[in-house]
Amino acid sequence: MTRKLISPTLSEKKKAREGKSKPPYETHAENYYYLKQMKMKTPMIIVMSDGEIIKGKIEWYDRDVIKVNREGEPNLVIFKHAIKYMLKDEDSLVKK
């Protein structure tokens, strides 16, 4: 006795795929985060891919870069691909 595998046909697979929609390419969560930090002038810590730490406030952003204002040091334009992660500078927030 031979066993027959039961699997959907090609047309059934296409129908199943048509019912699902792709998730949106961009959720705009990153834009919302940058706008909020810019509006609140939140002191930020930016850790670069090479381990360098930059402290400052985000002045503006673009698709590829952010501009960081720093006190007593030159302002920087940083490529986003060079950023490892960012977080709020809690020490500066407590001093306010």
Protein backbone atom coordinates (compact mmCIF):
# COMPACT_ATOMS: atom_id res chain seq x y z
CA MET A 1 0.00 0.00 0.00
CA THR A 2 1.43 3.38 -1.01
CA ARG A 3 0.82 6.43 1.10
CA LYS A 4 -0.30 9.63 -0.54
CA LEU A 5 0.88 12.89 0.96
CA ILE A 6 -1.83 15.43 1.41
CA SER A 7 -0.63 18.93 0.67
CA PRO A 8 -2.37 21.98 -0.70
CA THR A 9 -2.25 22.60 -4.42
CA LEU A 10 -0.52 25.61 -5.90
CA SER A 11 -3.81 27.45 -6.41
CA GLU A 12 -4.79 26.80 -2.78
CA LYS A 13 -1.46 28.23 -1.61
CA LYS A 14 -1.99 31.38 -3.70
CA LYS A 15 -5.45 31.89 -2.21
CA ALA A 16 -4.06 31.55 1.30
CA ARG A 17 -1.38 34.16 0.58
CA GLU A 18 -3.88 36.63 -0.89
CA GLY A 19 -5.81 36.76 2.39
CA LYS A 20 -2.79 37.95 4.35
CA SER A 21 -1.58 41.50 4.05
CA LYS A 22 2.03 42.49 4.44
CA PRO A 23 2.97 44.53 7.49
CA PRO A 24 3.69 48.19 6.76
CA TYR A 25 7.26 48.89 5.69
CA GLU A 26 7.51 51.84 8.04
CA THR A 27 5.62 52.26 11.31
CA HIS A 28 6.80 55.85 11.92
CA ALA A 29 7.69 54.91 15.51
CA GLU A 30 11.23 56.21 15.00
CA ASN A 31 9.91 59.57 13.74
CA TYR A 32 7.55 59.85 16.70
CA TYR A 33 10.41 59.11 19.14
CA TYR A 34 12.71 61.75 17.61
CA LEU A 35 9.94 64.37 17.52
CA LYS A 36 9.08 63.75 21.17
CA GLN A 37 12.72 64.02 22.30
CA MET A 38 13.23 67.18 20.22
CA LYS A 39 10.08 68.84 21.58
CA MET A 40 10.92 68.01 25.21
CA LYS A 41 14.63 68.86 24.66
CA THR A 42 15.49 65.62 26.44
CA PRO A 43 19.18 65.12 27.27
CA MET A 44 20.25 61.96 25.45
CA ILE A 45 23.14 59.51 25.61
CA ILE A 46 24.11 58.15 22.20
CA VAL A 47 26.36 55.10 22.15
CA MET A 48 28.18 54.66 18.86
CA SER A 49 29.06 51.35 17.22
CA ASP A 50 32.72 51.80 18.19
CA GLY A 51 31.79 52.39 21.87
CA GLU A 52 32.13 56.20 21.89
CA ILE A 53 29.54 57.94 24.07
CA ILE A 54 28.00 61.25 23.00
CA LYS A 55 25.77 63.32 25.28
CA GLY A 56 23.50 66.05 23.99
CA LYS A 57 20.03 67.03 22.80
CA ILE A 58 18.60 66.13 19.41
CA GLU A 59 18.02 69.31 17.38
CA TRP A 60 16.77 67.73 14.15
CA TYR A 61 16.80 64.47 12.26
CA ASP A 62 16.72 63.19 8.73
CA ARG A 63 16.31 59.79 7.13
CA ASP A 64 20.04 59.11 7.50
CA VAL A 65 21.37 61.49 10.18
CA ILE A 66 20.59 63.27 13.45
CA LYS A 67 22.02 66.57 14.68
CA VAL A 68 23.03 66.63 18.34
CA ASN A 69 23.56 69.88 20.28
CA ARG A 70 26.15 69.57 23.05
CA GLU A 71 26.96 72.02 25.85
CA GLY A 72 30.51 73.35 25.77
CA GLU A 73 31.41 71.16 22.79
CA PRO A 74 30.81 71.35 19.04
CA ASN A 75 27.46 70.20 17.72
CA LEU A 76 27.52 66.97 15.73
CA VAL A 77 25.73 65.49 12.75
CA ILE A 78 25.72 61.72 13.27
CA PHE A 79 24.90 59.02 10.74
CA LYS A 80 22.16 56.76 12.11
CA HIS A 81 23.89 53.61 10.86
CA ALA A 82 26.83 54.42 13.19
CA ILE A 83 24.59 54.49 16.30
CA LYS A 84 24.48 51.34 18.41
CA TYR A 85 21.73 52.60 20.73
CA MET A 86 20.30 55.72 22.38
CA LEU A 87 18.80 56.39 25.79
CA LYS A 88 17.66 59.28 27.93
CA ASP A 89 20.33 60.80 30.18
CA GLU A 90 18.62 60.14 33.52
CA ASP A 91 21.34 62.01 35.47
CA SER A 92 20.61 65.22 33.58
CA LEU A 93 16.85 64.77 34.02
CA VAL A 94 17.17 64.47 37.81
CA LYS A 95 19.21 67.70 38.07
CA LYS A 96 16.41 69.79 36.53
